Amino acid sequence: MTTPPATELSDVSELRHQLVERLRADSHIRTAAVERAFRAVPRHAFAPDVAVEAAYANDIIPTRHAPDGRVISSVSAPWLQVDVLEAARIRPGHRVLEISSGGYNAALMASGGDYAAMFTLQASGYQPSTATAEEAGW
């Protein structure tokens, strides 16, 4: 796999800002807590095998393919992650179980406050190509 060219931090910050603004304009982001999470957590850190522009697109990031090329696992599209987080209404003191294959969604949830317990289970047998929340500083 080739390594994407280095991208300046200001470029990454601008891409993240543009994604948040698009999610707000489309009425996906409705609360300050979810907006703060999406502004704070670097999505590209959980998708190092794709260009940062792809990491901040409002689309899935494929992480696993079937032998015939079909996508069988992905980092969910940001609009869907926002909708789930808004619906979950996670608040300090809540106990959260996150079952995932990469950690980005767990990092979004953890960035929102001090929860009584935050548990993340990785999919069995999955070798993630993305960073874990801990590796990305969450």
N, C-alpha and C. Protein backbone atom coordinates (compact mmCIF):
# COMPACT_ATOMS: atom_id res chain seq x y z
N MET A 1 0.85 -1.18 0.00
CA MET A 1 0.00 0.00 0.00
C MET A 1 0.90 1.23 0.00
N THR A 2 0.54 2.22 -0.76
CA THR A 2 1.31 3.45 -0.81
C THR A 2 0.87 4.38 0.32
N THR A 3 1.77 5.21 0.74
CA THR A 3 1.47 6.17 1.79
C THR A 3 0.98 7.46 1.15
N PRO A 4 -0.18 7.97 1.60
CA PRO A 4 -0.65 9.24 1.05
C PRO A 4 0.34 10.36 1.36
N PRO A 5 0.40 11.40 0.53
CA PRO A 5 1.31 12.50 0.81
C PRO A 5 0.94 13.19 2.13
N ALA A 6 1.97 13.74 2.78
CA ALA A 6 1.75 14.45 4.04
C ALA A 6 0.82 15.63 3.82
N THR A 7 -0.02 15.86 4.79
CA THR A 7 -0.95 16.98 4.73
C THR A 7 -0.69 17.89 5.92
N GLU A 8 -0.67 19.17 5.68
CA GLU A 8 -0.44 20.13 6.75
C GLU A 8 -1.58 20.08 7.77
N LEU A 9 -1.24 20.34 9.04
CA LEU A 9 -2.24 20.33 10.10
C LEU A 9 -3.36 21.31 9.81
N SER A 10 -3.05 22.48 9.26
CA SER A 10 -4.09 23.46 8.96
C SER A 10 -5.06 22.92 7.90
N ASP A 11 -4.54 22.13 6.94
CA ASP A 11 -5.40 21.53 5.93
C ASP A 11 -6.35 20.52 6.56
N VAL A 12 -5.82 19.69 7.48
CA VAL A 12 -6.63 18.69 8.16
C VAL A 12 -7.69 19.38 9.01
N SER A 13 -7.30 20.41 9.73
CA SER A 13 -8.25 21.16 10.56
C SER A 13 -9.35 21.77 9.70
N GLU A 14 -8.99 22.28 8.54
CA GLU A 14 -9.99 22.87 7.63
C GLU A 14 -10.94 21.80 7.10
N LEU A 15 -10.41 20.62 6.76
CA LEU A 15 -11.28 19.53 6.29
C LEU A 15 -12.25 19.11 7.39
N ARG A 16 -11.76 19.02 8.62
CA ARG A 16 -12.63 18.65 9.74
C ARG A 16 -13.69 19.72 9.95
N HIS A 17 -13.30 20.99 9.88
CA HIS A 17 -14.23 22.10 10.03
C HIS A 17 -15.31 22.04 8.93
N GLN A 18 -14.90 21.80 7.70
CA GLN A 18 -15.86 21.73 6.59
C GLN A 18 -16.84 20.58 6.78
N LEU A 19 -16.37 19.45 7.27
CA LEU A 19 -17.26 18.31 7.52
C LEU A 19 -18.29 18.67 8.58
N VAL A 20 -17.84 19.27 9.67
CA VAL A 20 -18.77 19.66 10.74
C VAL A 20 -19.79 20.67 10.21
N GLU A 21 -19.35 21.64 9.46
CA GLU A 21 -20.28 22.63 8.91
C GLU A 21 -21.31 21.99 7.98
N ARG A 22 -20.87 21.01 7.19
CA ARG A 22 -21.79 20.30 6.29
C ARG A 22 -22.81 19.50 7.11
N LEU A 23 -22.36 18.84 8.17
CA LEU A 23 -23.26 18.07 9.03
C LEU A 23 -24.25 18.98 9.76
N ARG A 24 -23.80 20.17 10.13
CA ARG A 24 -24.71 21.15 10.75
C ARG A 24 -25.72 21.66 9.73
N ALA A 25 -25.26 22.01 8.54
CA ALA A 25 -26.14 22.55 7.50
C ALA A 25 -27.21 21.54 7.09
N ASP A 26 -26.86 20.27 7.13
CA ASP A 26 -27.81 19.20 6.78
C ASP A 26 -28.66 18.78 7.98
N SER A 27 -28.56 19.50 9.08
CA SER A 27 -29.34 19.26 10.31
C SER A 27 -29.07 17.91 10.97
N HIS A 28 -27.88 17.37 10.75
CA HIS A 28 -27.52 16.14 11.47
C HIS A 28 -27.03 16.51 12.87
N ILE A 29 -26.10 17.46 12.96
CA ILE A 29 -25.62 17.90 14.27
C ILE A 29 -26.64 18.85 14.86
N ARG A 30 -27.13 18.48 16.06
CA ARG A 30 -28.16 19.30 16.72
C ARG A 30 -27.76 19.74 18.12
N THR A 31 -26.70 19.15 18.68
CA THR A 31 -26.31 19.52 20.03
C THR A 31 -24.85 19.95 20.07
N ALA A 32 -24.55 20.78 21.04
CA ALA A 32 -23.18 21.29 21.19
C ALA A 32 -22.20 20.16 21.52
N ALA A 33 -22.63 19.17 22.30
CA ALA A 33 -21.74 18.08 22.68
C ALA A 33 -21.29 17.28 21.47
N VAL A 34 -22.20 16.97 20.58
CA VAL A 34 -21.84 16.20 19.38
C VAL A 34 -20.97 17.06 18.46
N GLU A 35 -21.28 18.32 18.34
CA GLU A 35 -20.45 19.20 17.52
C GLU A 35 -19.02 19.26 18.08
N ARG A 36 -18.89 19.41 19.40
CA ARG A 36 -17.55 19.45 20.02
C ARG A 36 -16.78 18.17 19.73
N ALA A 37 -17.47 17.04 19.83
CA ALA A 37 -16.80 15.75 19.58
C ALA A 37 -16.27 15.68 18.16
N PHE A 38 -17.08 16.07 17.18
CA PHE A 38 -16.65 15.99 15.79
C PHE A 38 -15.57 17.01 15.47
N ARG A 39 -15.54 18.12 16.18
CA ARG A 39 -14.48 19.10 15.98
C ARG A 39 -13.17 18.65 16.64
N ALA A 40 -13.28 17.85 17.70
CA ALA A 40 -12.10 17.48 18.48
C ALA A 40 -11.41 16.20 18.02
N VAL A 41 -12.16 15.21 17.59
CA VAL A 41 -11.58 13.90 17.30
C VAL A 41 -11.09 13.83 15.85
N PRO A 42 -9.82 13.53 15.65
CA PRO A 42 -9.25 13.48 14.31
C PRO A 42 -9.60 12.19 13.57
N ARG A 43 -10.59 12.24 12.70
CA ARG A 43 -11.07 11.05 11.98
C ARG A 43 -9.94 10.41 11.17
N HIS A 44 -9.06 11.22 10.61
CA HIS A 44 -7.99 10.68 9.77
C HIS A 44 -7.03 9.79 10.57
N ALA A 45 -6.93 9.99 11.88
CA ALA A 45 -6.05 9.15 12.70
C ALA A 45 -6.55 7.71 12.76
N PHE A 46 -7.83 7.51 12.50
CA PHE A 46 -8.42 6.18 12.53
C PHE A 46 -8.51 5.56 11.15
N ALA A 47 -7.98 6.25 10.16
CA ALA A 47 -8.00 5.76 8.78
C ALA A 47 -6.69 6.13 8.09
N PRO A 48 -5.57 5.63 8.61
CA PRO A 48 -4.28 6.06 8.06
C PRO A 48 -3.99 5.56 6.66
N ASP A 49 -4.78 4.58 6.18
CA ASP A 49 -4.53 4.03 4.85
C ASP A 49 -5.25 4.76 3.73
N VAL A 50 -5.98 5.84 4.08
CA VAL A 50 -6.67 6.62 3.05
C VAL A 50 -6.20 8.07 3.11
N ALA A 51 -6.37 8.76 2.02
CA ALA A 51 -6.02 10.18 1.98
C ALA A 51 -6.90 10.94 2.97
N VAL A 52 -6.38 12.00 3.55
CA VAL A 52 -7.17 12.75 4.54
C VAL A 52 -8.45 13.30 3.93
N GLU A 53 -8.43 13.63 2.66
CA GLU A 53 -9.65 14.11 2.01
C GLU A 53 -10.74 13.04 2.07
N ALA A 54 -10.37 11.79 1.88
CA ALA A 54 -11.33 10.68 1.97
C ALA A 54 -11.77 10.47 3.41
N ALA A 55 -10.86 10.66 4.35
CA ALA A 55 -11.21 10.49 5.76
C ALA A 55 -12.27 11.49 6.20
N TYR A 56 -12.26 12.69 5.62
CA TYR A 56 -13.22 13.72 6.01
C TYR A 56 -14.38 13.87 5.04
N ALA A 57 -14.51 12.94 4.10
CA ALA A 57 -15.70 12.93 3.24
C ALA A 57 -16.86 12.41 4.07
N ASN A 58 -18.06 12.81 3.73
CA ASN A 58 -19.26 12.36 4.46
C ASN A 58 -19.70 11.02 3.89
N ASP A 59 -18.81 10.04 4.00
CA ASP A 59 -19.02 8.73 3.40
C ASP A 59 -18.30 7.69 4.26
N ILE A 60 -18.57 6.41 3.99
CA ILE A 60 -17.89 5.35 4.71
C ILE A 60 -16.42 5.31 4.31
N ILE A 61 -15.62 4.68 5.16
CA ILE A 61 -14.24 4.35 4.83
C ILE A 61 -14.15 2.83 4.89
N PRO A 62 -14.07 2.17 3.75
CA PRO A 62 -13.98 0.71 3.77
C PRO A 62 -12.74 0.25 4.53
N THR A 63 -12.92 -0.77 5.38
CA THR A 63 -11.80 -1.30 6.16
C THR A 63 -11.56 -2.77 5.90
N ARG A 64 -12.52 -3.43 5.27
CA ARG A 64 -12.38 -4.86 5.01
C ARG A 64 -13.23 -5.21 3.78
N HIS A 65 -12.67 -6.07 2.94
CA HIS A 65 -13.35 -6.48 1.71
C HIS A 65 -13.45 -8.00 1.65
N ALA A 66 -14.52 -8.49 1.04
CA ALA A 66 -14.68 -9.90 0.76
C ALA A 66 -13.76 -10.26 -0.40
N PRO A 67 -13.49 -11.54 -0.61
CA PRO A 67 -12.63 -11.93 -1.74
C PRO A 67 -13.11 -11.41 -3.09
N ASP A 68 -14.42 -11.20 -3.23
CA ASP A 68 -14.94 -10.69 -4.50
C ASP A 68 -14.90 -9.16 -4.59
N GLY A 69 -14.35 -8.50 -3.55
CA GLY A 69 -14.19 -7.05 -3.58
C GLY A 69 -15.28 -6.26 -2.87
N ARG A 70 -16.37 -6.93 -2.47
CA ARG A 70 -17.44 -6.22 -1.76
C ARG A 70 -16.94 -5.71 -0.42
N VAL A 71 -17.39 -4.54 -0.02
CA VAL A 71 -17.06 -3.99 1.30
C VAL A 71 -17.86 -4.76 2.34
N ILE A 72 -17.18 -5.31 3.34
CA ILE A 72 -17.87 -6.05 4.39
C ILE A 72 -17.68 -5.41 5.77
N SER A 73 -16.85 -4.38 5.85
CA SER A 73 -16.69 -3.64 7.10
C SER A 73 -16.19 -2.24 6.75
N SER A 74 -16.60 -1.27 7.56
CA SER A 74 -16.18 0.11 7.28
C SER A 74 -16.28 0.96 8.53
N VAL A 75 -15.61 2.10 8.46
CA VAL A 75 -15.87 3.17 9.42
C VAL A 75 -17.14 3.81 8.89
N SER A 76 -18.16 3.91 9.73
CA SER A 76 -19.45 4.44 9.28
C SER A 76 -19.33 5.87 8.78
N ALA A 77 -20.26 6.25 7.92
CA ALA A 77 -20.30 7.61 7.41
C ALA A 77 -20.55 8.59 8.56
N PRO A 78 -19.92 9.76 8.53
CA PRO A 78 -20.11 10.73 9.60
C PRO A 78 -21.57 11.08 9.88
N TRP A 79 -22.40 11.23 8.84
CA TRP A 79 -23.80 11.59 9.07
C TRP A 79 -24.49 10.53 9.92
N LEU A 80 -24.14 9.26 9.70
CA LEU A 80 -24.76 8.18 10.47
C LEU A 80 -24.24 8.19 11.91
N GLN A 81 -22.94 8.41 12.09
CA GLN A 81 -22.38 8.47 13.43
C GLN A 81 -23.00 9.62 14.23
N VAL A 82 -23.19 10.77 13.58
CA VAL A 82 -23.84 11.90 14.24
C VAL A 82 -25.25 11.53 14.66
N ASP A 83 -26.01 10.94 13.74
CA ASP A 83 -27.40 10.59 14.05
C ASP A 83 -27.47 9.61 15.22
N VAL A 84 -26.56 8.64 15.27
CA VAL A 84 -26.54 7.68 16.37
C VAL A 84 -26.19 8.38 17.68
N LEU A 85 -25.17 9.22 17.66
CA LEU A 85 -24.77 9.92 18.89
C LEU A 85 -25.86 10.87 19.37
N GLU A 86 -26.50 11.56 18.46
CA GLU A 86 -27.60 12.45 18.86
C GLU A 86 -28.73 11.64 19.48
N ALA A 87 -29.05 10.50 18.89
CA ALA A 87 -30.14 9.66 19.40
C ALA A 87 -29.78 9.05 20.75
N ALA A 88 -28.51 8.71 20.95
CA ALA A 88 -28.08 8.07 22.20
C ALA A 88 -28.14 9.02 23.40
N ARG A 89 -27.94 10.30 23.16
CA ARG A 89 -27.98 11.30 24.23
C ARG A 89 -27.12 10.90 25.43
N ILE A 90 -25.88 10.53 25.16
CA ILE A 90 -24.95 10.10 26.22
C ILE A 90 -24.64 11.29 27.12
N ARG A 91 -24.72 11.05 28.41
CA ARG A 91 -24.48 12.10 29.40
C ARG A 91 -23.50 11.59 30.46
N PRO A 92 -22.85 12.51 31.17
CA PRO A 92 -21.97 12.08 32.27
C PRO A 92 -22.74 11.17 33.22
N GLY A 93 -22.07 10.09 33.64
CA GLY A 93 -22.68 9.12 34.52
C GLY A 93 -23.25 7.91 33.80
N HIS A 94 -23.42 8.01 32.49
CA HIS A 94 -23.93 6.87 31.72
C HIS A 94 -22.85 5.81 31.57
N ARG A 95 -23.28 4.58 31.45
CA ARG A 95 -22.39 3.46 31.17
C ARG A 95 -22.56 3.14 29.69
N VAL A 96 -21.45 3.08 28.96
CA VAL A 96 -21.50 2.93 27.51
C VAL A 96 -20.73 1.69 27.08
N LEU A 97 -21.35 0.88 26.23
CA LEU A 97 -20.68 -0.25 25.60
C LEU A 97 -20.62 0.03 24.11
N GLU A 98 -19.43 0.09 23.58
CA GLU A 98 -19.21 0.34 22.16
C GLU A 98 -18.60 -0.92 21.57
N ILE A 99 -19.22 -1.49 20.56
CA ILE A 99 -18.69 -2.66 19.87
C ILE A 99 -18.30 -2.18 18.47
N SER A 100 -17.01 -2.27 18.17
CA SER A 100 -16.55 -1.69 16.91
C SER A 100 -15.36 -2.44 16.37
N SER A 101 -14.80 -1.88 15.32
CA SER A 101 -13.61 -2.47 14.70
C SER A 101 -12.50 -1.46 14.54
N GLY A 102 -12.64 -0.28 15.10
CA GLY A 102 -11.59 0.69 14.86
C GLY A 102 -11.38 1.72 15.95
N GLY A 103 -12.43 2.14 16.64
CA GLY A 103 -12.27 3.05 17.75
C GLY A 103 -12.70 4.49 17.53
N TYR A 104 -12.96 4.91 16.30
CA TYR A 104 -13.34 6.31 16.05
C TYR A 104 -14.63 6.67 16.78
N ASN A 105 -15.63 5.83 16.68
CA ASN A 105 -16.90 6.13 17.34
C ASN A 105 -16.73 6.16 18.85
N ALA A 106 -15.92 5.26 19.40
CA ALA A 106 -15.65 5.26 20.83
C ALA A 106 -14.95 6.57 21.24
N ALA A 107 -14.04 7.03 20.41
CA ALA A 107 -13.36 8.30 20.70
C ALA A 107 -14.34 9.46 20.67
N LEU A 108 -15.28 9.45 19.72
CA LEU A 108 -16.30 10.49 19.67
C LEU A 108 -17.11 10.49 20.97
N MET A 109 -17.52 9.30 21.41
CA MET A 109 -18.31 9.20 22.64
C MET A 109 -17.50 9.64 23.85
N ALA A 110 -16.26 9.20 23.93
CA ALA A 110 -15.43 9.51 25.09
C ALA A 110 -15.09 10.99 25.17
N SER A 111 -15.08 11.67 24.04
CA SER A 111 -14.72 13.09 24.05
C SER A 111 -15.81 13.95 24.67
N GLY A 112 -16.99 13.37 24.86
CA GLY A 112 -18.13 14.14 25.35
C GLY A 112 -18.20 14.35 26.84
N GLY A 113 -17.40 13.67 27.62
CA GLY A 113 -17.47 13.89 29.05
C GLY A 113 -16.99 12.70 29.85
N ASP A 114 -17.15 12.81 31.15
CA ASP A 114 -16.73 11.75 32.07
C ASP A 114 -17.89 10.80 32.30
N TYR A 115 -17.79 9.63 31.71
CA TYR A 115 -18.84 8.63 31.87
C TYR A 115 -18.46 7.69 33.00
N ALA A 116 -19.45 7.11 33.62
CA ALA A 116 -19.19 6.17 34.70
C ALA A 116 -18.34 5.01 34.19
N ALA A 117 -18.60 4.56 32.99
CA ALA A 117 -17.82 3.47 32.41
C ALA A 117 -17.90 3.55 30.90
N MET A 118 -16.77 3.33 30.25
CA MET A 118 -16.71 3.31 28.79
C MET A 118 -16.03 2.01 28.41
N PHE A 119 -16.76 1.11 27.78
CA PHE A 119 -16.22 -0.17 27.37
C PHE A 119 -16.23 -0.25 25.86
N THR A 120 -15.14 -0.73 25.28
CA THR A 120 -15.08 -0.92 23.84
C THR A 120 -14.64 -2.35 23.56
N LEU A 121 -15.40 -3.04 22.76
CA LEU A 121 -15.04 -4.39 22.31
C LEU A 121 -14.71 -4.33 20.84
N GLN A 122 -13.58 -4.91 20.48
CA GLN A 122 -13.20 -4.99 19.07
C GLN A 122 -13.81 -6.25 18.47
N ALA A 123 -14.16 -6.19 17.21
CA ALA A 123 -14.74 -7.34 16.52
C ALA A 123 -13.76 -8.50 16.57
N SER A 124 -14.25 -9.69 16.89
CA SER A 124 -13.44 -10.88 17.02
C SER A 124 -12.74 -11.23 15.71
N GLY A 125 -11.44 -11.50 15.80
CA GLY A 125 -10.70 -11.91 14.62
C GLY A 125 -10.36 -10.79 13.66
N TYR A 126 -10.73 -9.58 13.96
CA TYR A 126 -10.51 -8.47 13.06
C TYR A 126 -9.15 -7.85 13.35
N GLN A 127 -8.38 -7.61 12.33
CA GLN A 127 -7.10 -6.95 12.46
C GLN A 127 -7.25 -5.53 11.93
N PRO A 128 -7.57 -4.56 12.79
CA PRO A 128 -7.84 -3.21 12.28
C PRO A 128 -6.61 -2.58 11.66
N SER A 129 -6.85 -1.87 10.58
CA SER A 129 -5.77 -1.11 9.95
C SER A 129 -5.79 0.32 10.46
N THR A 130 -6.76 0.61 11.32
CA THR A 130 -6.92 1.96 11.83
C THR A 130 -6.38 2.04 13.25
N ALA A 131 -6.15 3.24 13.71
CA ALA A 131 -5.65 3.47 15.06
C ALA A 131 -6.73 3.15 16.08
N THR A 132 -6.29 2.77 17.26
CA THR A 132 -7.25 2.63 18.35
C THR A 132 -7.43 4.00 18.98
N ALA A 133 -8.46 4.15 19.76
CA ALA A 133 -8.72 5.43 20.42
C ALA A 133 -7.53 5.81 21.30
N GLU A 134 -6.95 4.84 21.99
CA GLU A 134 -5.81 5.11 22.86
C GLU A 134 -4.61 5.60 22.06
N GLU A 135 -4.33 4.94 20.92
CA GLU A 135 -3.19 5.34 20.08
C GLU A 135 -3.37 6.75 19.53
N ALA A 136 -4.63 7.15 19.31
CA ALA A 136 -4.90 8.47 18.76
C ALA A 136 -5.03 9.54 19.86
N GLY A 137 -4.78 9.13 21.11
CA GLY A 137 -4.81 10.09 22.20
C GLY A 137 -6.16 10.25 22.88
N TRP A 138 -7.06 9.30 22.69
CA TRP A 138 -8.38 9.36 23.31
C TRP A 138 -8.49 8.26 24.32
